[in-house]
Amino acid sequence: MDRQGDLFPDRPKLVEEFERFDAEHPDVWAHFERVALDLIRRGRKHYSSDAICHVVRWHIETSSQGVCDFKVNDHFTAFYSRKFGQAHPEHAGFFERRRSVADEVAT
């Protein structure tokens, strides 16, 4: 995802928090993307971004990297679903989406 910070100077604090978290923890996005693409390869047409975030949390917490020093905010699931749609437009409908502040970073 391109850096959106300059495009939305007055956006809500949550958008800024997500962008900072995403930049500081690219492994969270890598896990999210990997799980979603695996589900698609297995034939899923739709899935829950929230469920994937729970899988990511479990994987990071139980990995050989030890205890992590951060938490994945539940409010970031909407951002990750939109980031996935941007990165993989051919699967843009994989996640059902409701209107969200995360739409501000989706282009």
C-alpha atoms as a PDB file:
ATOM      1  CA  MET A   1       0.000   0.000   0.000  1.00  0.00           C
ATOM      2  CA  ASP A   2       1.318   3.423  -0.861  1.00  0.00           C
ATOM      3  CA  ARG A   3       1.887   5.826   1.990  1.00  0.00           C
ATOM      4  CA  GLN A   4      -1.420   7.634   2.320  1.00  0.00           C
ATOM      5  CA  GLY A   5      -0.374  10.042   5.075  1.00  0.00           C
ATOM      6  CA  ASP A   6       0.139  13.041   2.832  1.00  0.00           C
ATOM      7  CA  LEU A   7      -3.239  12.556   1.153  1.00  0.00           C
ATOM      8  CA  PHE A   8      -5.298  12.819   4.352  1.00  0.00           C
ATOM      9  CA  PRO A   9      -3.798  15.504   6.623  1.00  0.00           C
ATOM     10  CA  ASP A  10      -6.975  15.822   8.748  1.00  0.00           C
ATOM     11  CA  ARG A  11      -7.933  12.160   9.033  1.00  0.00           C
ATOM     12  CA  PRO A  12      -8.960  10.609  12.329  1.00  0.00           C
ATOM     13  CA  LYS A  13      -6.425   9.411  14.861  1.00  0.00           C
ATOM     14  CA  LEU A  14      -7.246   5.736  14.183  1.00  0.00           C
ATOM     15  CA  VAL A  15      -6.060   6.065  10.584  1.00  0.00           C
ATOM     16  CA  GLU A  16      -2.752   7.467  11.795  1.00  0.00           C
ATOM     17  CA  GLU A  17      -2.439   4.714  14.401  1.00  0.00           C
ATOM     18  CA  PHE A  18      -3.020   2.044  11.770  1.00  0.00           C
ATOM     19  CA  GLU A  19      -0.511   3.548   9.364  1.00  0.00           C
ATOM     20  CA  ARG A  20       2.120   3.731  12.104  1.00  0.00           C
ATOM     21  CA  PHE A  21       1.404   0.183  13.291  1.00  0.00           C
ATOM     22  CA  ASP A  22       1.450  -1.176   9.738  1.00  0.00           C
ATOM     23  CA  ALA A  23       4.806   0.488   9.027  1.00  0.00           C
ATOM     24  CA  GLU A  24       6.320  -0.760  12.298  1.00  0.00           C
ATOM     25  CA  HIS A  25       4.966  -4.329  12.022  1.00  0.00           C
ATOM     26  CA  PRO A  26       5.043  -5.475   8.388  1.00  0.00           C
ATOM     27  CA  ASP A  27       4.984  -9.090   9.596  1.00  0.00           C
ATOM     28  CA  VAL A  28       1.342  -8.642  10.660  1.00  0.00           C
ATOM     29  CA  TRP A  29       0.361  -7.701   7.094  1.00  0.00           C
ATOM     30  CA  ALA A  30       2.480 -10.550   5.677  1.00  0.00           C
ATOM     31  CA  HIS A  31       0.656 -13.079   7.893  1.00  0.00           C
ATOM     32  CA  PHE A  32      -2.752 -11.554   7.132  1.00  0.00           C
ATOM     33  CA  GLU A  33      -2.113 -11.632   3.385  1.00  0.00           C
ATOM     34  CA  ARG A  34      -0.731 -15.190   3.477  1.00  0.00           C
ATOM     35  CA  VAL A  35      -3.740 -16.534   5.395  1.00  0.00           C
ATOM     36  CA  ALA A  36      -6.246 -14.776   3.115  1.00  0.00           C
ATOM     37  CA  LEU A  37      -4.549 -16.023  -0.064  1.00  0.00           C
ATOM     38  CA  ASP A  38      -4.376 -19.543   1.350  1.00  0.00           C
ATOM     39  CA  LEU A  39      -8.117 -19.481   2.058  1.00  0.00           C
ATOM     40  CA  ILE A  40      -8.766 -18.299  -1.502  1.00  0.00           C
ATOM     41  CA  ARG A  41      -6.560 -21.080  -2.910  1.00  0.00           C
ATOM     42  CA  ARG A  42      -8.593 -23.557  -0.853  1.00  0.00           C
ATOM     43  CA  GLY A  43     -11.770 -22.369  -2.537  1.00  0.00           C
ATOM     44  CA  ARG A  44     -13.220 -19.839  -0.106  1.00  0.00           C
ATOM     45  CA  LYS A  45     -15.185 -17.068  -1.821  1.00  0.00           C
ATOM     46  CA  HIS A  46     -15.675 -14.918   1.306  1.00  0.00           C
ATOM     47  CA  TYR A  47     -14.154 -14.833   4.772  1.00  0.00           C
ATOM     48  CA  SER A  48     -13.892 -12.717   7.910  1.00  0.00           C
ATOM     49  CA  SER A  49     -11.010 -10.269   8.236  1.00  0.00           C
ATOM     50  CA  ASP A  50     -11.591 -10.395  11.995  1.00  0.00           C
ATOM     51  CA  ALA A  51     -11.070 -14.165  12.021  1.00  0.00           C
ATOM     52  CA  ILE A  52      -7.841 -13.756  10.068  1.00  0.00           C
ATOM     53  CA  CYS A  53      -6.600 -11.155  12.549  1.00  0.00           C
ATOM     54  CA  HIS A  54      -7.227 -13.655  15.351  1.00  0.00           C
ATOM     55  CA  VAL A  55      -5.175 -16.259  13.460  1.00  0.00           C
ATOM     56  CA  VAL A  56      -2.411 -13.690  12.997  1.00  0.00           C
ATOM     57  CA  ARG A  57      -2.443 -12.862  16.713  1.00  0.00           C
ATOM     58  CA  TRP A  58      -2.181 -16.540  17.599  1.00  0.00           C
ATOM     59  CA  HIS A  59       0.635 -17.140  15.146  1.00  0.00           C
ATOM     60  CA  ILE A  60       2.673 -14.141  16.303  1.00  0.00           C
ATOM     61  CA  GLU A  61       2.136 -14.876  20.006  1.00  0.00           C
ATOM     62  CA  THR A  62       3.107 -18.545  19.642  1.00  0.00           C
ATOM     63  CA  SER A  63       5.933 -18.181  17.119  1.00  0.00           C
ATOM     64  CA  SER A  64       9.535 -18.989  17.878  1.00  0.00           C
ATOM     65  CA  GLN A  65      10.179 -15.246  18.075  1.00  0.00           C
ATOM     66  CA  GLY A  66       9.025 -15.295  21.674  1.00  0.00           C
ATOM     67  CA  VAL A  67       6.487 -13.009  23.306  1.00  0.00           C
ATOM     68  CA  CYS A  68       5.753 -10.003  21.137  1.00  0.00           C
ATOM     69  CA  ASP A  69       5.736  -6.495  22.512  1.00  0.00           C
ATOM     70  CA  PHE A  70       2.641  -5.299  20.655  1.00  0.00           C
ATOM     71  CA  LYS A  71      -1.027  -6.125  20.177  1.00  0.00           C
ATOM     72  CA  VAL A  72      -3.043  -6.071  16.967  1.00  0.00           C
ATOM     73  CA  ASN A  73      -5.901  -3.641  17.576  1.00  0.00           C
ATOM     74  CA  ASP A  74      -9.352  -5.073  16.733  1.00  0.00           C
ATOM     75  CA  HIS A  75     -10.117  -1.826  14.939  1.00  0.00           C
ATOM     76  CA  PHE A  76      -7.363  -2.536  12.406  1.00  0.00           C
ATOM     77  CA  THR A  77      -9.217  -5.440  10.782  1.00  0.00           C
ATOM     78  CA  ALA A  78     -11.126  -3.050   8.505  1.00  0.00           C
ATOM     79  CA  PHE A  79      -7.856  -1.477   7.408  1.00  0.00           C
ATOM     80  CA  TYR A  80      -6.287  -4.837   6.626  1.00  0.00           C
ATOM     81  CA  SER A  81      -9.313  -5.945   4.600  1.00  0.00           C
ATOM     82  CA  ARG A  82      -9.081  -2.780   2.505  1.00  0.00           C
ATOM     83  CA  LYS A  83      -5.328  -3.107   2.138  1.00  0.00           C
ATOM     84  CA  PHE A  84      -5.907  -6.640   0.882  1.00  0.00           C
ATOM     85  CA  GLY A  85      -8.422  -5.362  -1.686  1.00  0.00           C
ATOM     86  CA  GLN A  86      -5.891  -2.807  -2.897  1.00  0.00           C
ATOM     87  CA  ALA A  87      -3.043  -5.312  -3.088  1.00  0.00           C
ATOM     88  CA  HIS A  88      -5.212  -7.991  -4.716  1.00  0.00           C
ATOM     89  CA  PRO A  89      -7.971  -6.241  -6.686  1.00  0.00           C
ATOM     90  CA  GLU A  90      -8.951  -9.548  -8.270  1.00  0.00           C
ATOM     91  CA  HIS A  91     -10.092 -10.593  -4.755  1.00  0.00           C
ATOM     92  CA  ALA A  92     -11.508  -7.236  -3.659  1.00  0.00           C
ATOM     93  CA  GLY A  93     -14.862  -8.817  -2.719  1.00  0.00           C
ATOM     94  CA  PHE A  94     -13.347 -11.513  -0.510  1.00  0.00           C
ATOM     95  CA  PHE A  95     -14.161  -9.540   2.635  1.00  0.00           C
ATOM     96  CA  GLU A  96     -17.620  -8.141   3.285  1.00  0.00           C
ATOM     97  CA  ARG A  97     -17.176  -4.521   4.192  1.00  0.00           C
ATOM     98  CA  ARG A  98     -19.244  -2.012   6.090  1.00  0.00           C
ATOM     99  CA  ARG A  99     -18.638   1.712   5.901  1.00  0.00           C
ATOM    100  CA  SER A 100     -15.578   2.512   8.008  1.00  0.00           C
ATOM    101  CA  VAL A 101     -12.994   5.167   8.752  1.00  0.00           C
ATOM    102  CA  ALA A 102     -10.673   2.690   7.014  1.00  0.00           C
ATOM    103  CA  ASP A 103     -12.304   3.747   3.745  1.00  0.00           C
ATOM    104  CA  GLU A 104     -10.306   6.965   3.996  1.00  0.00           C
ATOM    105  CA  VAL A 105      -7.092   5.102   3.188  1.00  0.00           C
ATOM    106  CA  ALA A 106      -8.634   2.987   0.436  1.00  0.00           C
ATOM    107  CA  THR A 107      -8.186   4.434  -3.005  1.00  0.00           C
END
